[in-house]
Amino acid sequence: MDEVIAELADLYRLAADASVDEFPRAVIHRLGRWIDFDGAVFGFGEAEARSLHIGTAIVHQRDTSILADYAPLSQEDPVTAAFLRRPARPIVVDARTMYAPVEHEAVRDFARRHELRHLLLFGDAETREGPLRWVVLYRSRDRAFDTGTSERLWGVWQHISCSLDLNRAEALRRANPRRDGTHLALVDARGTLEAVDPEFRSILRLEWPQFDSSRLPTPVLRAMERGSPFEGHAVEVEFRPLGTRVVCRARGRGPSAALSPREQVVASRFAAGRSHKEIAAELGVSPHTVRSQLAQVYRKLGVSDKAMLAQRLRRE
C-alpha cells in the first residue's frame, strides 16, 4: 500500500512539472507498473454521433498507423459504442469473440493486423468543460484482462483524471506568470478547450453573448489555423503553440478593456436593454451587486447613463 501511495504522489508531482505532451506518456509508463499490457493508446477527442473523433493521442508500443486505420471504423465498432454510453467501470474485451459476427469483419481485420487480442478501456465522461479522455490497453497474447485488473484501472484512473486537470492548469499558469490582464485557454488543434482561466469564457461572451461551448468560436478557430491574431469588435485573441496544443490569450478591446470581465458582461447586458433584476438572475448575484458594478462601469468609462454606455460600447 505504501508503494502505491508513493507512486500516486509521484504522479501528481510529475503533473505539476511535465509538459502537456510529456505527461500522457509518463502516465502510460506508470500504468505499466500496475497493469501488465504490451500496447496502449492514450487519447483525447470528441464523441460525434455514434463515432469517436480522436483529436490527439499517444500511441505506446504499436505502430502509429493504428490511429488512421481506426478512424473510418469508429462508427461500426461495438466497443466504441459501449464506451460512448459512459460505462461506470472499464470495458474488458476479448477481440476474437467481440468481433466474430460477420458485420464486424472490418474491425476484426483491424484488430488482427495490429495484434489487439485483448483490450481494457476506460476514461472520462465527456463534459462541456473539455474533451473526452480515455486509455485503451492491449494484449497481443491470449491472456485476458481479469476483474482485478479492471478494478485496478478504475481506481487508478480517478487519479489520472485529476492529475491531467492539474497538468493543464499548471501549463496555463506558467504561460501567464505576470498576470498581465489577459485570460488564457489551452486548446487542441480542433479548438477544443482543455483548460481555461475562470474568466476566459466571459471575455468571449463580449463578442458572442451566448457563448457556452467546449470549443472555440469558429472565427477564432479560423484565425488560429491561419496563425494570425483574431481581432473582433470587442475581443482580441492571440495564439502561441505549446507542443501539440495552443495557448489562446484573450482580452477585451478598446477603453472598455479596463473593465473586469464581469463588469464587461454587466455593461453589455445593461446596454442591450436588460434590467438589473434580469442581469442579476442570469449571473446569480443580487440586483444591488449589479447596480454597484454598473456604477464602477460608468466611472471607468466616463459615461453617465444607459444611452451613453450603449453608444460607447457600439463605438468600440
C-alpha atoms as a PDB file:
ATOM      1  CA  MET A   1       0.000   0.000   0.000  1.00  0.00           C
ATOM      2  CA  ASP A   2       2.804   2.427   0.877  1.00  0.00           C
ATOM      3  CA  GLU A   3       4.382   1.786  -2.514  1.00  0.00           C
ATOM      4  CA  VAL A   4       1.118   2.613  -4.319  1.00  0.00           C
ATOM      5  CA  ILE A   5       0.688   5.847  -2.320  1.00  0.00           C
ATOM      6  CA  ALA A   6       4.238   6.867  -3.196  1.00  0.00           C
ATOM      7  CA  GLU A   7       3.585   6.160  -6.880  1.00  0.00           C
ATOM      8  CA  LEU A   8       0.421   8.278  -6.864  1.00  0.00           C
ATOM      9  CA  ALA A   9       2.176  11.140  -5.084  1.00  0.00           C
ATOM     10  CA  ASP A  10       4.878  10.975  -7.742  1.00  0.00           C
ATOM     11  CA  LEU A  11       2.174  11.123 -10.422  1.00  0.00           C
ATOM     12  CA  TYR A  12       0.839  14.414  -9.046  1.00  0.00           C
ATOM     13  CA  ARG A  13       4.319  15.890  -8.717  1.00  0.00           C
ATOM     14  CA  LEU A  14       5.020  14.988 -12.320  1.00  0.00           C
ATOM     15  CA  ALA A  15       1.690  16.503 -13.414  1.00  0.00           C
ATOM     16  CA  ALA A  16       2.742  19.842 -11.943  1.00  0.00           C
ATOM     17  CA  ASP A  17       6.100  19.855 -13.750  1.00  0.00           C
ATOM     18  CA  ALA A  18       5.731  17.970 -17.061  1.00  0.00           C
ATOM     19  CA  SER A  19       4.655  19.492 -20.369  1.00  0.00           C
ATOM     20  CA  VAL A  20       1.191  18.745 -21.736  1.00  0.00           C
ATOM     21  CA  ASP A  21       2.736  16.358 -24.282  1.00  0.00           C
ATOM     22  CA  GLU A  22       5.142  14.611 -21.905  1.00  0.00           C
ATOM     23  CA  PHE A  23       2.606  13.888 -19.204  1.00  0.00           C
ATOM     24  CA  PRO A  24       0.354  11.361 -21.044  1.00  0.00           C
ATOM     25  CA  ARG A  25       3.483   9.364 -21.994  1.00  0.00           C
ATOM     26  CA  ALA A  26       4.538   9.356 -18.355  1.00  0.00           C
ATOM     27  CA  VAL A  27       1.056   8.150 -17.359  1.00  0.00           C
ATOM     28  CA  ILE A  28       1.309   5.173 -19.713  1.00  0.00           C
ATOM     29  CA  HIS A  29       4.760   4.360 -18.320  1.00  0.00           C
ATOM     30  CA  ARG A  30       3.384   4.338 -14.761  1.00  0.00           C
ATOM     31  CA  LEU A  31       0.360   2.278 -15.746  1.00  0.00           C
ATOM     32  CA  GLY A  32       2.831  -0.362 -16.862  1.00  0.00           C
ATOM     33  CA  ARG A  33       3.973  -0.684 -13.234  1.00  0.00           C
ATOM     34  CA  TRP A  34       0.450  -1.510 -12.072  1.00  0.00           C
ATOM     35  CA  ILE A  35      -1.035  -3.399 -15.051  1.00  0.00           C
ATOM     36  CA  ASP A  36       0.551  -5.871 -17.467  1.00  0.00           C
ATOM     37  CA  PHE A  37      -0.032  -4.832 -21.111  1.00  0.00           C
ATOM     38  CA  ASP A  38       2.007  -4.712 -24.315  1.00  0.00           C
ATOM     39  CA  GLY A  39       0.463  -1.723 -26.090  1.00  0.00           C
ATOM     40  CA  ALA A  40      -1.721   1.298 -25.376  1.00  0.00           C
ATOM     41  CA  VAL A  41      -3.355   4.424 -26.759  1.00  0.00           C
ATOM     42  CA  PHE A  42      -3.975   7.464 -24.557  1.00  0.00           C
ATOM     43  CA  GLY A  43      -6.485   9.594 -26.442  1.00  0.00           C
ATOM     44  CA  PHE A  44      -8.234  12.957 -26.355  1.00  0.00           C
ATOM     45  CA  GLY A  45     -11.215  13.643 -28.605  1.00  0.00           C
ATOM     46  CA  GLU A  46     -14.940  14.140 -29.011  1.00  0.00           C
ATOM     47  CA  ALA A  47     -17.998  11.989 -29.463  1.00  0.00           C
ATOM     48  CA  GLU A  48     -19.642  12.648 -32.821  1.00  0.00           C
ATOM     49  CA  ALA A  49     -22.956  10.883 -33.380  1.00  0.00           C
ATOM     50  CA  ARG A  50     -22.045   7.186 -32.859  1.00  0.00           C
ATOM     51  CA  SER A  51     -18.338   7.580 -33.568  1.00  0.00           C
ATOM     52  CA  LEU A  52     -15.309   8.777 -31.667  1.00  0.00           C
ATOM     53  CA  HIS A  53     -13.201  11.539 -33.202  1.00  0.00           C
ATOM     54  CA  ILE A  54      -9.610  11.323 -31.968  1.00  0.00           C
ATOM     55  CA  GLY A  55      -8.106  14.792 -31.643  1.00  0.00           C
ATOM     56  CA  THR A  56      -4.676  13.884 -30.260  1.00  0.00           C
ATOM     57  CA  ALA A  57      -3.326  10.583 -28.970  1.00  0.00           C
ATOM     58  CA  ILE A  58      -0.204   8.940 -27.590  1.00  0.00           C
ATOM     59  CA  VAL A  59       0.489   5.519 -29.140  1.00  0.00           C
ATOM     60  CA  HIS A  60       2.582   3.166 -26.994  1.00  0.00           C
ATOM     61  CA  GLN A  61       4.222   0.044 -28.459  1.00  0.00           C
ATOM     62  CA  ARG A  62       2.004  -0.091 -31.535  1.00  0.00           C
ATOM     63  CA  ASP A  63       2.505   1.384 -34.992  1.00  0.00           C
ATOM     64  CA  THR A  64       1.147   4.945 -35.147  1.00  0.00           C
ATOM     65  CA  SER A  65      -0.845   3.933 -38.240  1.00  0.00           C
ATOM     66  CA  ILE A  66      -3.309   2.397 -35.771  1.00  0.00           C
ATOM     67  CA  LEU A  67      -4.992   5.819 -35.431  1.00  0.00           C
ATOM     68  CA  ALA A  68      -5.512   6.427 -39.151  1.00  0.00           C
ATOM     69  CA  ASP A  69      -6.584   2.821 -39.681  1.00  0.00           C
ATOM     70  CA  TYR A  70      -9.172   3.071 -36.913  1.00  0.00           C
ATOM     71  CA  ALA A  71     -10.735   6.417 -37.882  1.00  0.00           C
ATOM     72  CA  PRO A  72     -13.069   5.038 -40.614  1.00  0.00           C
ATOM     73  CA  LEU A  73     -14.066   2.092 -38.396  1.00  0.00           C
ATOM     74  CA  SER A  74     -15.065   4.007 -35.271  1.00  0.00           C
ATOM     75  CA  GLN A  75     -18.754   4.196 -36.120  1.00  0.00           C
ATOM     76  CA  GLU A  76     -19.105   0.433 -36.585  1.00  0.00           C
ATOM     77  CA  ASP A  77     -17.023  -0.666 -33.595  1.00  0.00           C
ATOM     78  CA  PRO A  78     -19.267  -2.096 -30.820  1.00  0.00           C
ATOM     79  CA  VAL A  79     -16.541  -1.381 -28.260  1.00  0.00           C
ATOM     80  CA  THR A  80     -16.593   2.339 -29.086  1.00  0.00           C
ATOM     81  CA  ALA A  81     -20.400   2.291 -28.966  1.00  0.00           C
ATOM     82  CA  ALA A  82     -20.238   0.769 -25.470  1.00  0.00           C
ATOM     83  CA  PHE A  83     -17.689   3.352 -24.326  1.00  0.00           C
ATOM     84  CA  LEU A  84     -19.756   6.270 -25.641  1.00  0.00           C
ATOM     85  CA  ARG A  85     -22.589   5.120 -23.367  1.00  0.00           C
ATOM     86  CA  ARG A  86     -20.322   6.199 -20.462  1.00  0.00           C
ATOM     87  CA  PRO A  87     -19.739   2.914 -18.611  1.00  0.00           C
ATOM     88  CA  ALA A  88     -19.233   3.109 -14.863  1.00  0.00           C
ATOM     89  CA  ARG A  89     -16.396   0.562 -14.966  1.00  0.00           C
ATOM     90  CA  PRO A  90     -13.671  -0.290 -17.524  1.00  0.00           C
ATOM     91  CA  ILE A  91     -14.682  -2.338 -20.542  1.00  0.00           C
ATOM     92  CA  VAL A  92     -12.960  -5.729 -20.854  1.00  0.00           C
ATOM     93  CA  VAL A  93     -12.893  -7.090 -24.415  1.00  0.00           C
ATOM     94  CA  ASP A  94     -11.914 -10.394 -25.983  1.00  0.00           C
ATOM     95  CA  ALA A  95     -11.435  -9.155 -29.554  1.00  0.00           C
ATOM     96  CA  ARG A  96     -11.800 -12.620 -31.112  1.00  0.00           C
ATOM     97  CA  THR A  97     -15.225 -13.055 -29.529  1.00  0.00           C
ATOM     98  CA  MET A  98     -16.425  -9.446 -29.786  1.00  0.00           C
ATOM     99  CA  TYR A  99     -15.642  -9.135 -33.482  1.00  0.00           C
ATOM    100  CA  ALA A 100     -16.672 -12.658 -34.505  1.00  0.00           C
ATOM    101  CA  PRO A 101     -20.002 -11.656 -36.154  1.00  0.00           C
ATOM    102  CA  VAL A 102     -19.746 -11.148 -39.908  1.00  0.00           C
ATOM    103  CA  GLU A 103     -20.864  -7.492 -39.669  1.00  0.00           C
ATOM    104  CA  HIS A 104     -17.673  -6.732 -37.711  1.00  0.00           C
ATOM    105  CA  GLU A 105     -15.303  -8.174 -40.297  1.00  0.00           C
ATOM    106  CA  ALA A 106     -13.524  -4.846 -40.969  1.00  0.00           C
ATOM    107  CA  VAL A 107     -12.924  -4.210 -37.261  1.00  0.00           C
ATOM    108  CA  ARG A 108     -11.845  -7.839 -36.798  1.00  0.00           C
ATOM    109  CA  ASP A 109      -9.240  -7.438 -39.548  1.00  0.00           C
ATOM    110  CA  PHE A 110      -8.046  -4.196 -37.967  1.00  0.00           C
ATOM    111  CA  ALA A 111      -7.622  -5.896 -34.572  1.00  0.00           C
ATOM    112  CA  ARG A 112      -5.731  -8.790 -36.113  1.00  0.00           C
ATOM    113  CA  ARG A 113      -3.461  -6.501 -38.127  1.00  0.00           C
ATOM    114  CA  HIS A 114      -2.466  -4.507 -35.038  1.00  0.00           C
ATOM    115  CA  GLU A 115      -2.295  -7.510 -32.659  1.00  0.00           C
ATOM    116  CA  LEU A 116      -5.190  -6.464 -30.453  1.00  0.00           C
ATOM    117  CA  ARG A 117      -6.171  -9.796 -28.897  1.00  0.00           C
ATOM    118  CA  HIS A 118      -7.481  -8.421 -25.584  1.00  0.00           C
ATOM    119  CA  LEU A 119      -8.485  -4.841 -24.697  1.00  0.00           C
ATOM    120  CA  LEU A 120      -9.127  -2.911 -21.492  1.00  0.00           C
ATOM    121  CA  LEU A 121     -10.738   0.511 -21.998  1.00  0.00           C
ATOM    122  CA  PHE A 122     -11.768   3.330 -19.671  1.00  0.00           C
ATOM    123  CA  GLY A 123     -11.873   7.122 -19.492  1.00  0.00           C
ATOM    124  CA  ASP A 124     -13.766  10.255 -18.518  1.00  0.00           C
ATOM    125  CA  ALA A 125     -17.312  11.063 -19.407  1.00  0.00           C
ATOM    126  CA  GLU A 126     -17.400  13.949 -21.864  1.00  0.00           C
ATOM    127  CA  THR A 127     -18.398  17.267 -20.315  1.00  0.00           C
ATOM    128  CA  ARG A 128     -18.963  20.800 -21.570  1.00  0.00           C
ATOM    129  CA  GLU A 129     -15.677  21.772 -19.950  1.00  0.00           C
ATOM    130  CA  GLY A 130     -13.313  19.778 -22.129  1.00  0.00           C
ATOM    131  CA  PRO A 131     -12.610  16.808 -24.358  1.00  0.00           C
ATOM    132  CA  LEU A 132     -13.322  13.129 -23.880  1.00  0.00           C
ATOM    133  CA  ARG A 133     -10.220  11.416 -22.442  1.00  0.00           C
ATOM    134  CA  TRP A 134      -9.523   7.707 -22.364  1.00  0.00           C
ATOM    135  CA  VAL A 135      -6.884   4.996 -22.316  1.00  0.00           C
ATOM    136  CA  VAL A 136      -7.100   1.603 -24.023  1.00  0.00           C
ATOM    137  CA  LEU A 137      -4.631  -1.124 -23.058  1.00  0.00           C
ATOM    138  CA  TYR A 138      -3.809  -4.051 -25.356  1.00  0.00           C
ATOM    139  CA  ARG A 139      -2.508  -7.574 -25.033  1.00  0.00           C
ATOM    140  CA  SER A 140      -1.486  -9.418 -28.166  1.00  0.00           C
ATOM    141  CA  ARG A 141      -1.232 -12.806 -26.429  1.00  0.00           C
ATOM    142  CA  ASP A 142      -4.210 -14.892 -25.366  1.00  0.00           C
ATOM    143  CA  ARG A 143      -4.375 -13.799 -21.721  1.00  0.00           C
ATOM    144  CA  ALA A 144      -7.498 -11.875 -20.833  1.00  0.00           C
ATOM    145  CA  PHE A 145      -7.675  -8.852 -18.527  1.00  0.00           C
ATOM    146  CA  ASP A 146      -9.359 -10.132 -15.356  1.00  0.00           C
ATOM    147  CA  THR A 147     -11.738  -8.407 -12.941  1.00  0.00           C
ATOM    148  CA  GLY A 148      -8.964  -7.463 -10.545  1.00  0.00           C
ATOM    149  CA  THR A 149      -7.053  -5.715 -13.322  1.00  0.00           C
ATOM    150  CA  SER A 150     -10.200  -3.903 -14.413  1.00  0.00           C
ATOM    151  CA  GLU A 151     -10.802  -2.650 -10.871  1.00  0.00           C
ATOM    152  CA  ARG A 152      -7.195  -1.528 -10.632  1.00  0.00           C
ATOM    153  CA  LEU A 153      -7.570   0.588 -13.777  1.00  0.00           C
ATOM    154  CA  TRP A 154     -10.810   2.067 -12.441  1.00  0.00           C
ATOM    155  CA  GLY A 155      -9.134   3.114  -9.184  1.00  0.00           C
ATOM    156  CA  VAL A 156      -6.008   4.489 -10.835  1.00  0.00           C
ATOM    157  CA  TRP A 157      -7.986   6.393 -13.474  1.00  0.00           C
ATOM    158  CA  GLN A 158      -9.557   8.625 -10.847  1.00  0.00           C
ATOM    159  CA  HIS A 159      -6.065   9.890 -10.028  1.00  0.00           C
ATOM    160  CA  ILE A 160      -5.026  10.069 -13.675  1.00  0.00           C
ATOM    161  CA  SER A 161      -8.051  12.242 -14.462  1.00  0.00           C
ATOM    162  CA  CYS A 162      -7.359  14.645 -11.581  1.00  0.00           C
ATOM    163  CA  SER A 163      -3.653  14.818 -12.409  1.00  0.00           C
ATOM    164  CA  LEU A 164      -4.484  15.611 -16.057  1.00  0.00           C
ATOM    165  CA  ASP A 165      -6.541  18.592 -14.886  1.00  0.00           C
ATOM    166  CA  LEU A 166      -3.636  19.698 -12.693  1.00  0.00           C
ATOM    167  CA  ASN A 167      -1.167  19.315 -15.564  1.00  0.00           C
ATOM    168  CA  ARG A 168      -3.243  21.517 -17.894  1.00  0.00           C
ATOM    169  CA  ALA A 169      -3.906  24.134 -15.188  1.00  0.00           C
ATOM    170  CA  GLU A 170      -0.191  24.373 -14.394  1.00  0.00           C
ATOM    171  CA  ALA A 171       0.599  24.762 -18.100  1.00  0.00           C
ATOM    172  CA  LEU A 172      -1.703  27.798 -18.217  1.00  0.00           C
ATOM    173  CA  ARG A 173      -0.222  29.255 -15.046  1.00  0.00           C
ATOM    174  CA  ARG A 174       3.291  29.000 -16.475  1.00  0.00           C
ATOM    175  CA  ALA A 175       2.125  30.593 -19.733  1.00  0.00           C
ATOM    176  CA  ASN A 176       0.984  33.760 -17.915  1.00  0.00           C
ATOM    177  CA  PRO A 177       3.376  34.296 -14.986  1.00  0.00           C
ATOM    178  CA  ARG A 178       2.954  38.089 -14.915  1.00  0.00           C
ATOM    179  CA  ARG A 179      -0.874  38.056 -14.807  1.00  0.00           C
ATOM    180  CA  ASP A 180      -0.991  40.789 -17.444  1.00  0.00           C
ATOM    181  CA  GLY A 181      -4.777  41.152 -17.583  1.00  0.00           C
ATOM    182  CA  THR A 182      -5.325  38.598 -20.317  1.00  0.00           C
ATOM    183  CA  HIS A 183      -7.222  35.343 -19.827  1.00  0.00           C
ATOM    184  CA  LEU A 184      -5.943  32.072 -21.225  1.00  0.00           C
ATOM    185  CA  ALA A 185      -7.193  28.768 -22.583  1.00  0.00           C
ATOM    186  CA  LEU A 186      -5.342  25.650 -23.649  1.00  0.00           C
ATOM    187  CA  VAL A 187      -6.837  24.087 -26.801  1.00  0.00           C
ATOM    188  CA  ASP A 188      -6.060  21.266 -29.201  1.00  0.00           C
ATOM    189  CA  ALA A 189      -5.775  21.643 -32.983  1.00  0.00           C
ATOM    190  CA  ARG A 190      -9.568  21.477 -33.374  1.00  0.00           C
ATOM    191  CA  GLY A 191     -10.132  24.271 -30.850  1.00  0.00           C
ATOM    192  CA  THR A 192     -11.381  22.025 -28.040  1.00  0.00           C
ATOM    193  CA  LEU A 193     -10.899  23.731 -24.673  1.00  0.00           C
ATOM    194  CA  GLU A 194      -8.741  21.502 -22.477  1.00  0.00           C
ATOM    195  CA  ALA A 195      -8.209  24.069 -19.712  1.00  0.00           C
ATOM    196  CA  VAL A 196      -9.413  27.647 -19.241  1.00  0.00           C
ATOM    197  CA  ASP A 197      -8.875  30.583 -16.919  1.00  0.00           C
ATOM    198  CA  PRO A 198     -12.058  31.248 -14.922  1.00  0.00           C
ATOM    199  CA  GLU A 199     -12.872  34.384 -16.968  1.00  0.00           C
ATOM    200  CA  PHE A 200     -11.890  33.180 -20.443  1.00  0.00           C
ATOM    201  CA  ARG A 201     -15.466  32.365 -21.460  1.00  0.00           C
ATOM    202  CA  SER A 202     -16.670  35.684 -20.010  1.00  0.00           C
ATOM    203  CA  ILE A 203     -14.228  37.519 -22.285  1.00  0.00           C
ATOM    204  CA  LEU A 204     -15.509  35.638 -25.342  1.00  0.00           C
ATOM    205  CA  ARG A 205     -19.109  36.486 -24.369  1.00  0.00           C
ATOM    206  CA  LEU A 206     -18.312  40.141 -25.010  1.00  0.00           C
ATOM    207  CA  GLU A 207     -18.202  39.170 -28.703  1.00  0.00           C
ATOM    208  CA  TRP A 208     -20.607  36.205 -28.597  1.00  0.00           C
ATOM    209  CA  PRO A 209     -23.099  36.780 -25.719  1.00  0.00           C
ATOM    210  CA  GLN A 210     -24.459  33.218 -25.888  1.00  0.00           C
ATOM    211  CA  PHE A 211     -21.061  31.507 -25.946  1.00  0.00           C
ATOM    212  CA  ASP A 212     -21.089  28.421 -23.707  1.00  0.00           C
ATOM    213  CA  SER A 213     -19.181  25.803 -25.660  1.00  0.00           C
ATOM    214  CA  SER A 214     -16.313  23.379 -25.164  1.00  0.00           C
ATOM    215  CA  ARG A 215     -14.765  24.611 -28.443  1.00  0.00           C
ATOM    216  CA  LEU A 216     -13.523  27.985 -29.671  1.00  0.00           C
ATOM    217  CA  PRO A 217     -15.970  30.060 -31.737  1.00  0.00           C
ATOM    218  CA  THR A 218     -15.429  29.359 -35.435  1.00  0.00           C
ATOM    219  CA  PRO A 219     -13.919  32.799 -36.300  1.00  0.00           C
ATOM    220  CA  VAL A 220     -11.344  32.388 -33.515  1.00  0.00           C
ATOM    221  CA  LEU A 221     -10.518  28.850 -34.646  1.00  0.00           C
ATOM    222  CA  ARG A 222     -10.033  30.019 -38.245  1.00  0.00           C
ATOM    223  CA  ALA A 223      -7.646  32.746 -37.076  1.00  0.00           C
ATOM    224  CA  MET A 224      -5.715  30.172 -35.048  1.00  0.00           C
ATOM    225  CA  GLU A 225      -5.429  27.911 -38.101  1.00  0.00           C
ATOM    226  CA  ARG A 226      -4.105  30.842 -40.151  1.00  0.00           C
ATOM    227  CA  GLY A 227      -1.588  31.666 -37.435  1.00  0.00           C
ATOM    228  CA  SER A 228      -2.837  35.254 -37.102  1.00  0.00           C
ATOM    229  CA  PRO A 229      -4.481  37.010 -34.125  1.00  0.00           C
ATOM    230  CA  PHE A 230      -8.254  37.287 -34.015  1.00  0.00           C
ATOM    231  CA  GLU A 231      -9.473  40.878 -33.810  1.00  0.00           C
ATOM    232  CA  GLY A 232     -13.193  41.300 -33.244  1.00  0.00           C
ATOM    233  CA  HIS A 233     -15.357  44.245 -32.242  1.00  0.00           C
ATOM    234  CA  ALA A 234     -14.962  43.642 -28.507  1.00  0.00           C
ATOM    235  CA  VAL A 235     -12.341  40.896 -28.172  1.00  0.00           C
ATOM    236  CA  GLU A 236      -8.877  40.086 -29.435  1.00  0.00           C
ATOM    237  CA  VAL A 237      -7.212  36.675 -29.125  1.00  0.00           C
ATOM    238  CA  GLU A 238      -3.561  35.810 -29.695  1.00  0.00           C
ATOM    239  CA  PHE A 239      -2.126  32.307 -30.071  1.00  0.00           C
ATOM    240  CA  ARG A 240       1.087  30.621 -29.012  1.00  0.00           C
ATOM    241  CA  PRO A 241       1.986  26.976 -29.762  1.00  0.00           C
ATOM    242  CA  LEU A 242       2.649  24.780 -26.756  1.00  0.00           C
ATOM    243  CA  GLY A 243       3.748  21.413 -28.105  1.00  0.00           C
ATOM    244  CA  THR A 244       0.773  19.863 -29.881  1.00  0.00           C
ATOM    245  CA  ARG A 245      -1.564  22.334 -28.157  1.00  0.00           C
ATOM    246  CA  VAL A 246      -2.105  26.074 -28.435  1.00  0.00           C
ATOM    247  CA  VAL A 247      -2.386  28.702 -25.703  1.00  0.00           C
ATOM    248  CA  CYS A 248      -5.077  31.275 -26.525  1.00  0.00           C
ATOM    249  CA  ARG A 249      -4.651  34.660 -24.853  1.00  0.00           C
ATOM    250  CA  ALA A 250      -7.873  36.743 -24.865  1.00  0.00           C
ATOM    251  CA  ARG A 251      -8.552  40.321 -23.786  1.00  0.00           C
ATOM    252  CA  GLY A 252     -11.234  42.946 -24.319  1.00  0.00           C
ATOM    253  CA  ARG A 253     -10.563  45.650 -26.898  1.00  0.00           C
ATOM    254  CA  GLY A 254     -10.573  49.434 -26.557  1.00  0.00           C
ATOM    255  CA  PRO A 255     -11.018  51.524 -23.387  1.00  0.00           C
ATOM    256  CA  SER A 256     -13.612  49.094 -22.049  1.00  0.00           C
ATOM    257  CA  ALA A 257     -10.783  46.592 -21.665  1.00  0.00           C
ATOM    258  CA  ALA A 258     -10.134  48.388 -18.364  1.00  0.00           C
ATOM    259  CA  LEU A 259     -13.324  46.772 -17.083  1.00  0.00           C
ATOM    260  CA  SER A 260     -13.175  43.411 -15.343  1.00  0.00           C
ATOM    261  CA  PRO A 261     -14.738  40.526 -17.304  1.00  0.00           C
ATOM    262  CA  ARG A 262     -17.778  40.581 -15.014  1.00  0.00           C
ATOM    263  CA  GLU A 263     -18.153  44.366 -15.436  1.00  0.00           C
ATOM    264  CA  GLN A 264     -17.935  43.941 -19.199  1.00  0.00           C
ATOM    265  CA  VAL A 265     -20.710  41.328 -19.151  1.00  0.00           C
ATOM    266  CA  VAL A 266     -22.924  43.523 -16.935  1.00  0.00           C
ATOM    267  CA  ALA A 267     -22.286  46.573 -19.140  1.00  0.00           C
ATOM    268  CA  SER A 268     -23.091  44.765 -22.386  1.00  0.00           C
ATOM    269  CA  ARG A 269     -26.293  43.233 -20.958  1.00  0.00           C
ATOM    270  CA  PHE A 270     -27.492  46.562 -19.486  1.00  0.00           C
ATOM    271  CA  ALA A 271     -26.737  48.470 -22.692  1.00  0.00           C
ATOM    272  CA  ALA A 272     -28.706  45.846 -24.631  1.00  0.00           C
ATOM    273  CA  GLY A 273     -31.816  46.613 -22.560  1.00  0.00           C
ATOM    274  CA  ARG A 274     -31.691  44.026 -19.802  1.00  0.00           C
ATOM    275  CA  SER A 275     -32.906  45.107 -16.382  1.00  0.00           C
ATOM    276  CA  HIS A 276     -30.944  44.943 -13.126  1.00  0.00           C
ATOM    277  CA  LYS A 277     -33.074  42.015 -11.972  1.00  0.00           C
ATOM    278  CA  GLU A 278     -32.652  40.098 -15.246  1.00  0.00           C
ATOM    279  CA  ILE A 279     -28.876  40.517 -15.189  1.00  0.00           C
ATOM    280  CA  ALA A 280     -28.741  39.558 -11.515  1.00  0.00           C
ATOM    281  CA  ALA A 281     -30.747  36.387 -12.167  1.00  0.00           C
ATOM    282  CA  GLU A 282     -28.505  35.425 -15.091  1.00  0.00           C
ATOM    283  CA  LEU A 283     -25.286  35.941 -13.140  1.00  0.00           C
ATOM    284  CA  GLY A 284     -26.527  34.545  -9.833  1.00  0.00           C
ATOM    285  CA  VAL A 285     -25.982  37.776  -7.851  1.00  0.00           C
ATOM    286  CA  SER A 286     -28.230  40.373  -6.241  1.00  0.00           C
ATOM    287  CA  PRO A 287     -29.643  43.412  -8.092  1.00  0.00           C
ATOM    288  CA  HIS A 288     -27.713  45.569  -5.602  1.00  0.00           C
ATOM    289  CA  THR A 289     -24.456  43.951  -6.800  1.00  0.00           C
ATOM    290  CA  VAL A 290     -25.391  44.684 -10.412  1.00  0.00           C
ATOM    291  CA  ARG A 291     -26.059  48.351  -9.561  1.00  0.00           C
ATOM    292  CA  SER A 292     -22.673  48.614  -7.834  1.00  0.00           C
ATOM    293  CA  GLN A 293     -20.912  47.075 -10.815  1.00  0.00           C
ATOM    294  CA  LEU A 294     -22.684  49.437 -13.198  1.00  0.00           C
ATOM    295  CA  ALA A 295     -21.575  52.388 -11.062  1.00  0.00           C
ATOM    296  CA  GLN A 296     -17.991  51.209 -11.469  1.00  0.00           C
ATOM    297  CA  VAL A 297     -18.535  50.823 -15.227  1.00  0.00           C
ATOM    298  CA  TYR A 298     -19.878  54.378 -15.526  1.00  0.00           C
ATOM    299  CA  ARG A 299     -16.915  55.731 -13.562  1.00  0.00           C
ATOM    300  CA  LYS A 300     -14.300  53.833 -15.590  1.00  0.00           C
ATOM    301  CA  LEU A 301     -15.824  54.689 -18.982  1.00  0.00           C
ATOM    302  CA  GLY A 302     -16.744  58.271 -18.145  1.00  0.00           C
ATOM    303  CA  VAL A 303     -20.439  57.870 -19.009  1.00  0.00           C
ATOM    304  CA  SER A 304     -23.487  58.862 -17.015  1.00  0.00           C
ATOM    305  CA  ASP A 305     -26.481  56.958 -18.414  1.00  0.00           C
ATOM    306  CA  LYS A 306     -27.545  53.898 -20.389  1.00  0.00           C
ATOM    307  CA  ALA A 307     -27.678  55.738 -23.735  1.00  0.00           C
ATOM    308  CA  MET A 308     -24.094  56.964 -23.369  1.00  0.00           C
ATOM    309  CA  LEU A 309     -22.987  53.474 -22.287  1.00  0.00           C
ATOM    310  CA  ALA A 310     -24.618  51.837 -25.323  1.00  0.00           C
ATOM    311  CA  GLN A 311     -23.074  54.416 -27.652  1.00  0.00           C
ATOM    312  CA  ARG A 312     -19.639  53.866 -26.126  1.00  0.00           C
ATOM    313  CA  LEU A 313     -19.865  50.093 -26.478  1.00  0.00           C
ATOM    314  CA  ARG A 314     -21.121  50.354 -30.078  1.00  0.00           C
ATOM    315  CA  ARG A 315     -18.269  52.662 -30.984  1.00  0.00           C
ATOM    316  CA  GLU A 316     -15.728  50.180 -29.674  1.00  0.00           C
END
